[in-house]
Amino acid sequence: MAEERKQKKESKQLNVECNDKLCPKHGNISVRGRSFKGFVKKKFPKRVVIEFERTVYVKKYERYAARKTKLHARLPDCMASEINIGDYIEIMECRPISKIIHFIVVKKITGGDLKWKA
């Protein structure tokens, strides 16, 4: 059992290139709650804006309408180079990091050529 722990520590040490405290893989922040998938609309140095569509029922017309939602998410340093505008990514909820950032990028699903370019 002690050997397994040593092997896990060694493998983690070899793959660690991220010193970000707010990284779900290498840092100390926990993800919980809701998760969303969407396209990257804008990219900033430490955050991204994703946009996705949802359907809302309009009672007056007895129809469904498509609405777009924009969410800001923290972009960890280890994923900053692989995520670009137009990529389809998954984000998960975490504790509030700032006034508008309550989500963290967890993984990249596909590249930017899936649906549309932002």
PDB file of N, CA and C in Angstrom:
ATOM      1  N   MET A   1       0.815  -1.185   0.000  1.00  0.00           N
ATOM      2  CA  MET A   1       0.000   0.000   0.000  1.00  0.00           C
ATOM      3  C   MET A   1       0.868   1.262   0.000  1.00  0.00           C
ATOM      4  N   ALA A   2       1.954   1.219   0.746  1.00  0.00           N
ATOM      5  CA  ALA A   2       2.862   2.364   0.784  1.00  0.00           C
ATOM      6  C   ALA A   2       3.543   2.561  -0.563  1.00  0.00           C
ATOM      7  N   GLU A   3       3.812   1.457  -1.271  1.00  0.00           N
ATOM      8  CA  GLU A   3       4.441   1.554  -2.585  1.00  0.00           C
ATOM      9  C   GLU A   3       3.510   2.231  -3.591  1.00  0.00           C
ATOM     10  N   GLU A   4       2.217   1.933  -3.486  1.00  0.00           N
ATOM     11  CA  GLU A   4       1.241   2.544  -4.390  1.00  0.00           C
ATOM     12  C   GLU A   4       1.191   4.054  -4.177  1.00  0.00           C
ATOM     13  N   ARG A   5       1.246   4.483  -2.938  1.00  0.00           N
ATOM     14  CA  ARG A   5       1.229   5.914  -2.643  1.00  0.00           C
ATOM     15  C   ARG A   5       2.450   6.610  -3.218  1.00  0.00           C
ATOM     16  N   LYS A   6       3.619   5.968  -3.085  1.00  0.00           N
ATOM     17  CA  LYS A   6       4.842   6.544  -3.622  1.00  0.00           C
ATOM     18  C   LYS A   6       4.758   6.676  -5.145  1.00  0.00           C
ATOM     19  N   GLN A   7       4.208   5.643  -5.799  1.00  0.00           N
ATOM     20  CA  GLN A   7       4.088   5.676  -7.250  1.00  0.00           C
ATOM     21  C   GLN A   7       3.147   6.786  -7.695  1.00  0.00           C
ATOM     22  N   LYS A   8       2.047   6.975  -6.967  1.00  0.00           N
ATOM     23  CA  LYS A   8       1.098   8.027  -7.307  1.00  0.00           C
ATOM     24  C   LYS A   8       1.733   9.406  -7.127  1.00  0.00           C
ATOM     25  N   LYS A   9       2.488   9.574  -6.041  1.00  0.00           N
ATOM     26  CA  LYS A   9       3.149  10.857  -5.808  1.00  0.00           C
ATOM     27  C   LYS A   9       4.172  11.149  -6.895  1.00  0.00           C
ATOM     28  N   GLU A  10       4.933  10.136  -7.287  1.00  0.00           N
ATOM     29  CA  GLU A  10       5.947  10.322  -8.323  1.00  0.00           C
ATOM     30  C   GLU A  10       5.302  10.671  -9.657  1.00  0.00           C
ATOM     31  N   SER A  11       4.204   9.992  -9.993  1.00  0.00           N
ATOM     32  CA  SER A  11       3.541  10.279 -11.258  1.00  0.00           C
ATOM     33  C   SER A  11       2.930  11.676 -11.247  1.00  0.00           C
ATOM     34  N   LYS A  12       2.413  12.113 -10.097  1.00  0.00           N
ATOM     35  CA  LYS A  12       1.874  13.464  -9.995  1.00  0.00           C
ATOM     36  C   LYS A  12       2.979  14.500 -10.124  1.00  0.00           C
ATOM     37  N   GLN A  13       4.126  14.249  -9.523  1.00  0.00           N
ATOM     38  CA  GLN A  13       5.220  15.197  -9.574  1.00  0.00           C
ATOM     39  C   GLN A  13       5.761  15.345 -10.992  1.00  0.00           C
ATOM     40  N   LEU A  14       5.743  14.288 -11.771  1.00  0.00           N
ATOM     41  CA  LEU A  14       6.239  14.355 -13.136  1.00  0.00           C
ATOM     42  C   LEU A  14       5.305  15.176 -14.023  1.00  0.00           C
ATOM     43  N   ASN A  15       3.993  15.113 -13.783  1.00  0.00           N
ATOM     44  CA  ASN A  15       3.019  15.780 -14.637  1.00  0.00           C
ATOM     45  C   ASN A  15       2.668  17.189 -14.187  1.00  0.00           C
ATOM     46  N   VAL A  16       3.178  17.640 -13.050  1.00  0.00           N
ATOM     47  CA  VAL A  16       2.800  18.947 -12.526  1.00  0.00           C
ATOM     48  C   VAL A  16       3.604  20.042 -13.220  1.00  0.00           C
ATOM     49  N   GLU A  17       2.908  20.905 -13.974  1.00  0.00           N
ATOM     50  CA  GLU A  17       3.522  22.072 -14.549  1.00  0.00           C
ATOM     51  C   GLU A  17       2.698  23.308 -14.218  1.00  0.00           C
ATOM     52  N   CYS A  18       1.657  23.111 -13.431  1.00  0.00           N
ATOM     53  CA  CYS A  18       0.707  24.166 -13.096  1.00  0.00           C
ATOM     54  C   CYS A  18       0.862  24.537 -11.621  1.00  0.00           C
ATOM     55  N   ASN A  19       1.166  25.783 -11.354  1.00  0.00           N
ATOM     56  CA  ASN A  19       1.292  26.249  -9.978  1.00  0.00           C
ATOM     57  C   ASN A  19       0.084  27.081  -9.562  1.00  0.00           C
ATOM     58  N   ASP A  20      -1.019  26.933 -10.283  1.00  0.00           N
ATOM     59  CA  ASP A  20      -2.230  27.705 -10.030  1.00  0.00           C
ATOM     60  C   ASP A  20      -2.996  27.110  -8.852  1.00  0.00           C
ATOM     61  N   LYS A  21      -3.280  27.916  -7.827  1.00  0.00           N
ATOM     62  CA  LYS A  21      -4.043  27.438  -6.673  1.00  0.00           C
ATOM     63  C   LYS A  21      -5.497  27.195  -7.029  1.00  0.00           C
ATOM     64  N   LEU A  22      -5.987  27.862  -8.074  1.00  0.00           N
ATOM     65  CA  LEU A  22      -7.379  27.744  -8.483  1.00  0.00           C
ATOM     66  C   LEU A  22      -7.555  26.807  -9.668  1.00  0.00           C
ATOM     67  N   CYS A  23      -6.765  25.743  -9.695  1.00  0.00           N
ATOM     68  CA  CYS A  23      -6.867  24.723 -10.735  1.00  0.00           C
ATOM     69  C   CYS A  23      -7.546  23.494 -10.130  1.00  0.00           C
ATOM     70  N   PRO A  24      -8.582  22.944 -10.771  1.00  0.00           N
ATOM     71  CA  PRO A  24      -9.248  21.775 -10.191  1.00  0.00           C
ATOM     72  C   PRO A  24      -8.382  20.522 -10.184  1.00  0.00           C
ATOM     73  N   LYS A  25      -7.382  20.432 -11.055  1.00  0.00           N
ATOM     74  CA  LYS A  25      -6.521  19.250 -11.115  1.00  0.00           C
ATOM     75  C   LYS A  25      -5.315  19.373 -10.192  1.00  0.00           C
ATOM     76  N   HIS A  26      -4.645  20.543 -10.214  1.00  0.00           N
ATOM     77  CA  HIS A  26      -3.395  20.699  -9.480  1.00  0.00           C
ATOM     78  C   HIS A  26      -3.525  21.565  -8.232  1.00  0.00           C
ATOM     79  N   GLY A  27      -4.608  22.294  -8.091  1.00  0.00           N
ATOM     80  CA  GLY A  27      -4.777  23.222  -6.979  1.00  0.00           C
ATOM     81  C   GLY A  27      -5.619  22.655  -5.857  1.00  0.00           C
ATOM     82  N   ASN A  28      -6.065  23.541  -4.985  1.00  0.00           N
ATOM     83  CA  ASN A  28      -6.824  23.133  -3.804  1.00  0.00           C
ATOM     84  C   ASN A  28      -8.303  23.465  -3.884  1.00  0.00           C
ATOM     85  N   ILE A  29      -8.788  23.921  -5.008  1.00  0.00           N
ATOM     86  CA  ILE A  29     -10.192  24.316  -5.103  1.00  0.00           C
ATOM     87  C   ILE A  29     -11.039  23.114  -5.503  1.00  0.00           C
ATOM     88  N   SER A  30     -12.221  23.013  -4.886  1.00  0.00           N
ATOM     89  CA  SER A  30     -13.102  21.881  -5.179  1.00  0.00           C
ATOM     90  C   SER A  30     -14.236  22.343  -6.086  1.00  0.00           C
ATOM     91  N   VAL A  31     -14.634  21.459  -6.979  1.00  0.00           N
ATOM     92  CA  VAL A  31     -15.759  21.735  -7.870  1.00  0.00           C
ATOM     93  C   VAL A  31     -16.951  20.938  -7.384  1.00  0.00           C
ATOM     94  N   ARG A  32     -18.107  21.571  -7.433  1.00  0.00           N
ATOM     95  CA  ARG A  32     -19.335  20.907  -6.994  1.00  0.00           C
ATOM     96  C   ARG A  32     -20.502  21.581  -7.688  1.00  0.00           C
ATOM     97  N   GLY A  33     -21.650  20.985  -7.629  1.00  0.00           N
ATOM     98  CA  GLY A  33     -22.844  21.621  -8.162  1.00  0.00           C
ATOM     99  C   GLY A  33     -23.019  21.423  -9.648  1.00  0.00           C
ATOM    100  N   ARG A  34     -23.442  22.474 -10.320  1.00  0.00           N
ATOM    101  CA  ARG A  34     -23.844  22.388 -11.712  1.00  0.00           C
ATOM    102  C   ARG A  34     -22.648  22.381 -12.663  1.00  0.00           C
ATOM    103  N   SER A  35     -22.848  21.756 -13.799  1.00  0.00           N
ATOM    104  CA  SER A  35     -21.841  21.788 -14.860  1.00  0.00           C
ATOM    105  C   SER A  35     -22.535  22.158 -16.162  1.00  0.00           C
ATOM    106  N   PHE A  36     -21.829  22.909 -16.996  1.00  0.00           N
ATOM    107  CA  PHE A  36     -22.366  23.359 -18.272  1.00  0.00           C
ATOM    108  C   PHE A  36     -21.341  23.102 -19.365  1.00  0.00           C
ATOM    109  N   LYS A  37     -21.850  22.957 -20.581  1.00  0.00           N
ATOM    110  CA  LYS A  37     -21.000  22.802 -21.758  1.00  0.00           C
ATOM    111  C   LYS A  37     -21.378  23.900 -22.735  1.00  0.00           C
ATOM    112  N   GLY A  38     -20.375  24.556 -23.286  1.00  0.00           N
ATOM    113  CA  GLY A  38     -20.663  25.642 -24.210  1.00  0.00           C
ATOM    114  C   GLY A  38     -19.449  26.031 -25.020  1.00  0.00           C
ATOM    115  N   PHE A  39     -19.651  26.984 -25.914  1.00  0.00           N
ATOM    116  CA  PHE A  39     -18.598  27.462 -26.797  1.00  0.00           C
ATOM    117  C   PHE A  39     -17.923  28.683 -26.192  1.00  0.00           C
ATOM    118  N   VAL A  40     -16.615  28.766 -26.361  1.00  0.00           N
ATOM    119  CA  VAL A  40     -15.850  29.904 -25.845  1.00  0.00           C
ATOM    120  C   VAL A  40     -16.133  31.105 -26.736  1.00  0.00           C
ATOM    121  N   LYS A  41     -16.701  32.137 -26.143  1.00  0.00           N
ATOM    122  CA  LYS A  41     -17.055  33.355 -26.868  1.00  0.00           C
ATOM    123  C   LYS A  41     -15.915  34.368 -26.829  1.00  0.00           C
ATOM    124  N   LYS A  42     -15.310  34.558 -25.632  1.00  0.00           N
ATOM    125  CA  LYS A  42     -14.187  35.471 -25.451  1.00  0.00           C
ATOM    126  C   LYS A  42     -13.149  34.800 -24.571  1.00  0.00           C
ATOM    127  N   LYS A  43     -11.898  35.191 -24.751  1.00  0.00           N
ATOM    128  CA  LYS A  43     -10.820  34.641 -23.942  1.00  0.00           C
ATOM    129  C   LYS A  43      -9.999  35.781 -23.367  1.00  0.00           C
ATOM    130  N   PHE A  44      -9.793  35.743 -22.059  1.00  0.00           N
ATOM    131  CA  PHE A  44      -8.985  36.713 -21.342  1.00  0.00           C
ATOM    132  C   PHE A  44      -7.809  35.975 -20.716  1.00  0.00           C
ATOM    133  N   PRO A  45      -6.829  36.676 -20.127  1.00  0.00           N
ATOM    134  CA  PRO A  45      -5.664  35.975 -19.573  1.00  0.00           C
ATOM    135  C   PRO A  45      -5.976  34.901 -18.535  1.00  0.00           C
ATOM    136  N   LYS A  46      -6.952  35.113 -17.653  1.00  0.00           N
ATOM    137  CA  LYS A  46      -7.234  34.112 -16.626  1.00  0.00           C
ATOM    138  C   LYS A  46      -8.688  33.655 -16.609  1.00  0.00           C
ATOM    139  N   ARG A  47      -9.481  34.045 -17.623  1.00  0.00           N
ATOM    140  CA  ARG A  47     -10.872  33.610 -17.666  1.00  0.00           C
ATOM    141  C   ARG A  47     -11.365  33.539 -19.096  1.00  0.00           C
ATOM    142  N   VAL A  48     -12.485  32.833 -19.263  1.00  0.00           N
ATOM    143  CA  VAL A  48     -13.149  32.737 -20.561  1.00  0.00           C
ATOM    144  C   VAL A  48     -14.629  33.028 -20.365  1.00  0.00           C
ATOM    145  N   VAL A  49     -15.281  33.398 -21.449  1.00  0.00           N
ATOM    146  CA  VAL A  49     -16.732  33.579 -21.453  1.00  0.00           C
ATOM    147  C   VAL A  49     -17.284  32.518 -22.374  1.00  0.00           C
ATOM    148  N   ILE A  50     -18.200  31.690 -21.840  1.00  0.00           N
ATOM    149  CA  ILE A  50     -18.823  30.675 -22.694  1.00  0.00           C
ATOM    150  C   ILE A  50     -20.278  31.044 -22.919  1.00  0.00           C
ATOM    151  N   GLU A  51     -20.817  30.549 -24.021  1.00  0.00           N
ATOM    152  CA  GLU A  51     -22.205  30.819 -24.365  1.00  0.00           C
ATOM    153  C   GLU A  51     -22.855  29.503 -24.780  1.00  0.00           C
ATOM    154  N   PHE A  52     -24.066  29.277 -24.281  1.00  0.00           N
ATOM    155  CA  PHE A  52     -24.811  28.089 -24.687  1.00  0.00           C
ATOM    156  C   PHE A  52     -26.286  28.425 -24.779  1.00  0.00           C
ATOM    157  N   GLU A  53     -27.021  27.601 -25.534  1.00  0.00           N
ATOM    158  CA  GLU A  53     -28.452  27.823 -25.718  1.00  0.00           C
ATOM    159  C   GLU A  53     -29.257  26.940 -24.786  1.00  0.00           C
ATOM    160  N   ARG A  54     -30.378  27.476 -24.337  1.00  0.00           N
ATOM    161  CA  ARG A  54     -31.312  26.721 -23.522  1.00  0.00           C
ATOM    162  C   ARG A  54     -32.713  27.024 -24.030  1.00  0.00           C
ATOM    163  N   THR A  55     -33.659  26.144 -23.761  1.00  0.00           N
ATOM    164  CA  THR A  55     -35.033  26.374 -24.189  1.00  0.00           C
ATOM    165  C   THR A  55     -35.884  26.763 -22.992  1.00  0.00           C
ATOM    166  N   VAL A  56     -36.733  27.765 -23.204  1.00  0.00           N
ATOM    167  CA  VAL A  56     -37.612  28.276 -22.160  1.00  0.00           C
ATOM    168  C   VAL A  56     -39.043  28.202 -22.682  1.00  0.00           C
ATOM    169  N   TYR A  57     -39.951  27.726 -21.845  1.00  0.00           N
ATOM    170  CA  TYR A  57     -41.352  27.633 -22.230  1.00  0.00           C
ATOM    171  C   TYR A  57     -42.029  28.975 -22.019  1.00  0.00           C
ATOM    172  N   VAL A  58     -42.685  29.507 -23.082  1.00  0.00           N
ATOM    173  CA  VAL A  58     -43.425  30.761 -23.000  1.00  0.00           C
ATOM    174  C   VAL A  58     -44.898  30.415 -22.871  1.00  0.00           C
ATOM    175  N   LYS A  59     -45.457  30.674 -21.702  1.00  0.00           N
ATOM    176  CA  LYS A  59     -46.818  30.233 -21.392  1.00  0.00           C
ATOM    177  C   LYS A  59     -47.854  30.919 -22.276  1.00  0.00           C
ATOM    178  N   LYS A  60     -47.662  32.196 -22.565  1.00  0.00           N
ATOM    179  CA  LYS A  60     -48.634  32.966 -23.348  1.00  0.00           C
ATOM    180  C   LYS A  60     -48.828  32.378 -24.742  1.00  0.00           C
ATOM    181  N   TYR A  61     -47.739  31.987 -25.385  1.00  0.00           N
ATOM    182  CA  TYR A  61     -47.816  31.470 -26.746  1.00  0.00           C
ATOM    183  C   TYR A  61     -47.816  29.948 -26.803  1.00  0.00           C
ATOM    184  N   GLU A  62     -47.666  29.289 -25.668  1.00  0.00           N
ATOM    185  CA  GLU A  62     -47.633  27.833 -25.578  1.00  0.00           C
ATOM    186  C   GLU A  62     -46.572  27.248 -26.522  1.00  0.00           C
ATOM    187  N   ARG A  63     -45.415  27.888 -26.520  1.00  0.00           N
ATOM    188  CA  ARG A  63     -44.317  27.475 -27.371  1.00  0.00           C
ATOM    189  C   ARG A  63     -43.024  27.518 -26.557  1.00  0.00           C
ATOM    190  N   TYR A  64     -41.975  26.960 -27.150  1.00  0.00           N
ATOM    191  CA  TYR A  64     -40.648  27.044 -26.551  1.00  0.00           C
ATOM    192  C   TYR A  64     -39.819  28.073 -27.310  1.00  0.00           C
ATOM    193  N   ALA A  65     -39.054  28.837 -26.570  1.00  0.00           N
ATOM    194  CA  ALA A  65     -38.164  29.830 -27.171  1.00  0.00           C
ATOM    195  C   ALA A  65     -36.723  29.489 -26.811  1.00  0.00           C
ATOM    196  N   ALA A  66     -35.811  29.772 -27.730  1.00  0.00           N
ATOM    197  CA  ALA A  66     -34.388  29.523 -27.487  1.00  0.00           C
ATOM    198  C   ALA A  66     -33.768  30.775 -26.882  1.00  0.00           C
ATOM    199  N   ARG A  67     -33.076  30.628 -25.789  1.00  0.00           N
ATOM    200  CA  ARG A  67     -32.384  31.733 -25.128  1.00  0.00           C
ATOM    201  C   ARG A  67     -30.907  31.381 -25.009  1.00  0.00           C
ATOM    202  N   LYS A  68     -30.068  32.401 -25.043  1.00  0.00           N
ATOM    203  CA  LYS A  68     -28.631  32.200 -24.886  1.00  0.00           C
ATOM    204  C   LYS A  68     -28.205  32.678 -23.512  1.00  0.00           C
ATOM    205  N   THR A  69     -27.263  31.941 -22.914  1.00  0.00           N
ATOM    206  CA  THR A  69     -26.729  32.284 -21.597  1.00  0.00           C
ATOM    207  C   THR A  69     -25.217  32.427 -21.701  1.00  0.00           C
ATOM    208  N   LYS A  70     -24.687  33.487 -21.089  1.00  0.00           N
ATOM    209  CA  LYS A  70     -23.240  33.689 -21.035  1.00  0.00           C
ATOM    210  C   LYS A  70     -22.776  33.519 -19.601  1.00  0.00           C
ATOM    211  N   LEU A  71     -21.708  32.746 -19.409  1.00  0.00           N
ATOM    212  CA  LEU A  71     -21.119  32.539 -18.092  1.00  0.00           C
ATOM    213  C   LEU A  71     -19.614  32.796 -18.165  1.00  0.00           C
ATOM    214  N   HIS A  72     -19.077  33.390 -17.104  1.00  0.00           N
ATOM    215  CA  HIS A  72     -17.641  33.597 -16.985  1.00  0.00           C
ATOM    216  C   HIS A  72     -17.045  32.459 -16.179  1.00  0.00           C
ATOM    217  N   ALA A  73     -15.909  31.947 -16.620  1.00  0.00           N
ATOM    218  CA  ALA A  73     -15.266  30.823 -15.937  1.00  0.00           C
ATOM    219  C   ALA A  73     -13.769  31.076 -15.826  1.00  0.00           C
ATOM    220  N   ARG A  74     -13.193  30.619 -14.724  1.00  0.00           N
ATOM    221  CA  ARG A  74     -11.750  30.724 -14.487  1.00  0.00           C
ATOM    222  C   ARG A  74     -11.029  29.773 -15.426  1.00  0.00           C
ATOM    223  N   LEU A  75      -9.964  30.244 -16.064  1.00  0.00           N
ATOM    224  CA  LEU A  75      -9.154  29.435 -16.968  1.00  0.00           C
ATOM    225  C   LEU A  75      -7.832  29.121 -16.284  1.00  0.00           C
ATOM    226  N   PRO A  76      -7.619  27.862 -15.832  1.00  0.00           N
ATOM    227  CA  PRO A  76      -6.363  27.504 -15.169  1.00  0.00           C
ATOM    228  C   PRO A  76      -5.164  27.665 -16.108  1.00  0.00           C
ATOM    229  N   ASP A  77      -3.995  27.909 -15.517  1.00  0.00           N
ATOM    230  CA  ASP A  77      -2.783  28.129 -16.300  1.00  0.00           C
ATOM    231  C   ASP A  77      -2.415  26.923 -17.160  1.00  0.00           C
ATOM    232  N   CYS A  78      -2.689  25.709 -16.665  1.00  0.00           N
ATOM    233  CA  CYS A  78      -2.312  24.508 -17.410  1.00  0.00           C
ATOM    234  C   CYS A  78      -3.176  24.290 -18.654  1.00  0.00           C
ATOM    235  N   MET A  79      -4.357  24.928 -18.736  1.00  0.00           N
ATOM    236  CA  MET A  79      -5.245  24.772 -19.890  1.00  0.00           C
ATOM    237  C   MET A  79      -5.268  26.003 -20.792  1.00  0.00           C
ATOM    238  N   ALA A  80      -4.566  27.048 -20.415  1.00  0.00           N
ATOM    239  CA  ALA A  80      -4.655  28.315 -21.138  1.00  0.00           C
ATOM    240  C   ALA A  80      -4.174  28.204 -22.581  1.00  0.00           C
ATOM    241  N   SER A  81      -3.172  27.398 -22.844  1.00  0.00           N
ATOM    242  CA  SER A  81      -2.633  27.302 -24.200  1.00  0.00           C
ATOM    243  C   SER A  81      -3.474  26.414 -25.116  1.00  0.00           C
ATOM    244  N   GLU A  82      -4.224  25.473 -24.564  1.00  0.00           N
ATOM    245  CA  GLU A  82      -4.980  24.543 -25.413  1.00  0.00           C
ATOM    246  C   GLU A  82      -6.404  24.995 -25.701  1.00  0.00           C
ATOM    247  N   ILE A  83      -6.925  25.989 -24.975  1.00  0.00           N
ATOM    248  CA  ILE A  83      -8.297  26.454 -25.178  1.00  0.00           C
ATOM    249  C   ILE A  83      -8.270  27.776 -25.928  1.00  0.00           C
ATOM    250  N   ASN A  84      -9.025  27.825 -27.033  1.00  0.00           N
ATOM    251  CA  ASN A  84      -9.093  29.014 -27.880  1.00  0.00           C
ATOM    252  C   ASN A  84     -10.542  29.405 -28.114  1.00  0.00           C
ATOM    253  N   ILE A  85     -10.742  30.531 -28.755  1.00  0.00           N
ATOM    254  CA  ILE A  85     -12.096  31.001 -29.069  1.00  0.00           C
ATOM    255  C   ILE A  85     -12.756  30.020 -30.029  1.00  0.00           C
ATOM    256  N   GLY A  86     -14.004  29.646 -29.731  1.00  0.00           N
ATOM    257  CA  GLY A  86     -14.753  28.718 -30.569  1.00  0.00           C
ATOM    258  C   GLY A  86     -14.708  27.279 -30.098  1.00  0.00           C
ATOM    259  N   ASP A  87     -13.871  26.942 -29.132  1.00  0.00           N
ATOM    260  CA  ASP A  87     -13.784  25.573 -28.621  1.00  0.00           C
ATOM    261  C   ASP A  87     -15.014  25.238 -27.777  1.00  0.00           C
ATOM    262  N   TYR A  88     -15.377  23.969 -27.766  1.00  0.00           N
ATOM    263  CA  TYR A  88     -16.498  23.469 -26.966  1.00  0.00           C
ATOM    264  C   TYR A  88     -15.907  22.898 -25.682  1.00  0.00           C
ATOM    265  N   ILE A  89     -16.219  23.517 -24.528  1.00  0.00           N
ATOM    266  CA  ILE A  89     -15.600  23.139 -23.259  1.00  0.00           C
ATOM    267  C   ILE A  89     -16.661  22.841 -22.215  1.00  0.00           C
ATOM    268  N   GLU A  90     -16.212  22.222 -21.123  1.00  0.00           N
ATOM    269  CA  GLU A  90     -17.091  21.954 -19.978  1.00  0.00           C
ATOM    270  C   GLU A  90     -16.590  22.758 -18.787  1.00  0.00           C
ATOM    271  N   ILE A  91     -17.536  23.400 -18.072  1.00  0.00           N
ATOM    272  CA  ILE A  91     -17.200  24.140 -16.866  1.00  0.00           C
ATOM    273  C   ILE A  91     -18.013  23.582 -15.710  1.00  0.00           C
ATOM    274  N   MET A  92     -17.485  23.706 -14.493  1.00  0.00           N
ATOM    275  CA  MET A  92     -18.194  23.248 -13.304  1.00  0.00           C
ATOM    276  C   MET A  92     -18.213  24.345 -12.250  1.00  0.00           C
ATOM    277  N   GLU A  93     -19.228  24.305 -11.415  1.00  0.00           N
ATOM    278  CA  GLU A  93     -19.418  25.312 -10.378  1.00  0.00           C
ATOM    279  C   GLU A  93     -18.417  25.116  -9.247  1.00  0.00           C
ATOM    280  N   CYS A  94     -18.007  26.224  -8.646  1.00  0.00           N
ATOM    281  CA  CYS A  94     -17.114  26.200  -7.490  1.00  0.00           C
ATOM    282  C   CYS A  94     -17.519  27.357  -6.572  1.00  0.00           C
ATOM    283  N   ARG A  95     -16.723  27.611  -5.569  1.00  0.00           N
ATOM    284  CA  ARG A  95     -17.009  28.750  -4.694  1.00  0.00           C
ATOM    285  C   ARG A  95     -16.803  30.035  -5.504  1.00  0.00           C
ATOM    286  N   PRO A  96     -17.409  31.145  -5.082  1.00  0.00           N
ATOM    287  CA  PRO A  96     -17.196  32.398  -5.812  1.00  0.00           C
ATOM    288  C   PRO A  96     -15.733  32.832  -5.767  1.00  0.00           C
ATOM    289  N   ILE A  97     -15.130  32.989  -6.917  1.00  0.00           N
ATOM    290  CA  ILE A  97     -13.738  33.413  -7.020  1.00  0.00           C
ATOM    291  C   ILE A  97     -13.669  34.939  -7.080  1.00  0.00           C
ATOM    292  N   SER A  98     -14.601  35.552  -7.796  1.00  0.00           N
ATOM    293  CA  SER A  98     -14.679  37.005  -7.868  1.00  0.00           C
ATOM    294  C   SER A  98     -16.152  37.386  -8.031  1.00  0.00           C
ATOM    295  N   LYS A  99     -16.388  38.641  -8.370  1.00  0.00           N
ATOM    296  CA  LYS A  99     -17.757  39.128  -8.487  1.00  0.00           C
ATOM    297  C   LYS A  99     -18.545  38.373  -9.562  1.00  0.00           C
ATOM    298  N   ILE A 100     -17.900  38.035 -10.671  1.00  0.00           N
ATOM    299  CA  ILE A 100     -18.622  37.390 -11.774  1.00  0.00           C
ATOM    300  C   ILE A 100     -18.182  35.957 -12.047  1.00  0.00           C
ATOM    301  N   ILE A 101     -17.109  35.498 -11.437  1.00  0.00           N
ATOM    302  CA  ILE A 101     -16.582  34.158 -11.735  1.00  0.00           C
ATOM    303  C   ILE A 101     -16.972  33.191 -10.627  1.00  0.00           C
ATOM    304  N   HIS A 102     -17.848  32.226 -10.970  1.00  0.00           N
ATOM    305  CA  HIS A 102     -18.277  31.177 -10.043  1.00  0.00           C
ATOM    306  C   HIS A 102     -18.088  29.794 -10.644  1.00  0.00           C
ATOM    307  N   PHE A 103     -17.374  29.716 -11.771  1.00  0.00           N
ATOM    308  CA  PHE A 103     -17.160  28.454 -12.474  1.00  0.00           C
ATOM    309  C   PHE A 103     -15.694  28.313 -12.853  1.00  0.00           C
ATOM    310  N   ILE A 104     -15.265  27.059 -13.084  1.00  0.00           N
ATOM    311  CA  ILE A 104     -13.896  26.756 -13.497  1.00  0.00           C
ATOM    312  C   ILE A 104     -13.943  25.834 -14.709  1.00  0.00           C
ATOM    313  N   VAL A 105     -13.052  26.063 -15.657  1.00  0.00           N
ATOM    314  CA  VAL A 105     -12.947  25.195 -16.834  1.00  0.00           C
ATOM    315  C   VAL A 105     -12.383  23.849 -16.386  1.00  0.00           C
ATOM    316  N   VAL A 106     -13.093  22.773 -16.732  1.00  0.00           N
ATOM    317  CA  VAL A 106     -12.676  21.436 -16.331  1.00  0.00           C
ATOM    318  C   VAL A 106     -11.968  20.711 -17.470  1.00  0.00           C
ATOM    319  N   LYS A 107     -12.540  20.778 -18.686  1.00  0.00           N
ATOM    320  CA  LYS A 107     -11.908  20.083 -19.810  1.00  0.00           C
ATOM    321  C   LYS A 107     -12.380  20.657 -21.136  1.00  0.00           C
ATOM    322  N   LYS A 108     -11.572  20.395 -22.148  1.00  0.00           N
ATOM    323  CA  LYS A 108     -11.909  20.762 -23.517  1.00  0.00           C
ATOM    324  C   LYS A 108     -12.524  19.542 -24.186  1.00  0.00           C
ATOM    325  N   ILE A 109     -13.687  19.718 -24.796  1.00  0.00           N
ATOM    326  CA  ILE A 109     -14.372  18.586 -25.417  1.00  0.00           C
ATOM    327  C   ILE A 109     -13.965  18.464 -26.886  1.00  0.00           C
ATOM    328  N   THR A 110     -14.145  19.530 -27.669  1.00  0.00           N
ATOM    329  CA  THR A 110     -13.740  19.518 -29.066  1.00  0.00           C
ATOM    330  C   THR A 110     -13.171  20.868 -29.459  1.00  0.00           C
ATOM    331  N   GLY A 111     -12.609  20.920 -30.675  1.00  0.00           N
ATOM    332  CA  GLY A 111     -12.026  22.149 -31.196  1.00  0.00           C
ATOM    333  C   GLY A 111     -13.084  23.120 -31.655  1.00  0.00           C
ATOM    334  N   GLY A 112     -12.658  24.154 -32.338  1.00  0.00           N
ATOM    335  CA  GLY A 112     -13.553  25.247 -32.706  1.00  0.00           C
ATOM    336  C   GLY A 112     -14.401  25.046 -33.937  1.00  0.00           C
ATOM    337  N   ASP A 113     -14.263  23.972 -34.687  1.00  0.00           N
ATOM    338  CA  ASP A 113     -14.975  23.806 -35.941  1.00  0.00           C
ATOM    339  C   ASP A 113     -16.275  23.033 -35.803  1.00  0.00           C
ATOM    340  N   LEU A 114     -16.805  22.892 -34.579  1.00  0.00           N
ATOM    341  CA  LEU A 114     -17.991  22.070 -34.381  1.00  0.00           C
ATOM    342  C   LEU A 114     -19.271  22.768 -34.806  1.00  0.00           C
ATOM    343  N   LYS A 115     -19.557  23.968 -34.281  1.00  0.00           N
ATOM    344  CA  LYS A 115     -20.826  24.610 -34.577  1.00  0.00           C
ATOM    345  C   LYS A 115     -20.650  25.981 -35.200  1.00  0.00           C
ATOM    346  N   TRP A 116     -19.922  26.855 -34.522  1.00  0.00           N
ATOM    347  CA  TRP A 116     -19.720  28.204 -35.029  1.00  0.00           C
ATOM    348  C   TRP A 116     -18.464  28.797 -34.428  1.00  0.00           C
ATOM    349  N   LYS A 117     -17.971  29.796 -35.107  1.00  0.00           N
ATOM    350  CA  LYS A 117     -16.819  30.541 -34.600  1.00  0.00           C
ATOM    351  C   LYS A 117     -17.312  31.810 -33.948  1.00  0.00           C
ATOM    352  N   ALA A 118     -16.757  32.132 -32.795  1.00  0.00           N
ATOM    353  CA  ALA A 118     -17.188  33.339 -32.087  1.00  0.00           C
ATOM    354  C   ALA A 118     -16.600  34.571 -32.722  1.00  0.00           C
TER     355      ALA A 118
END
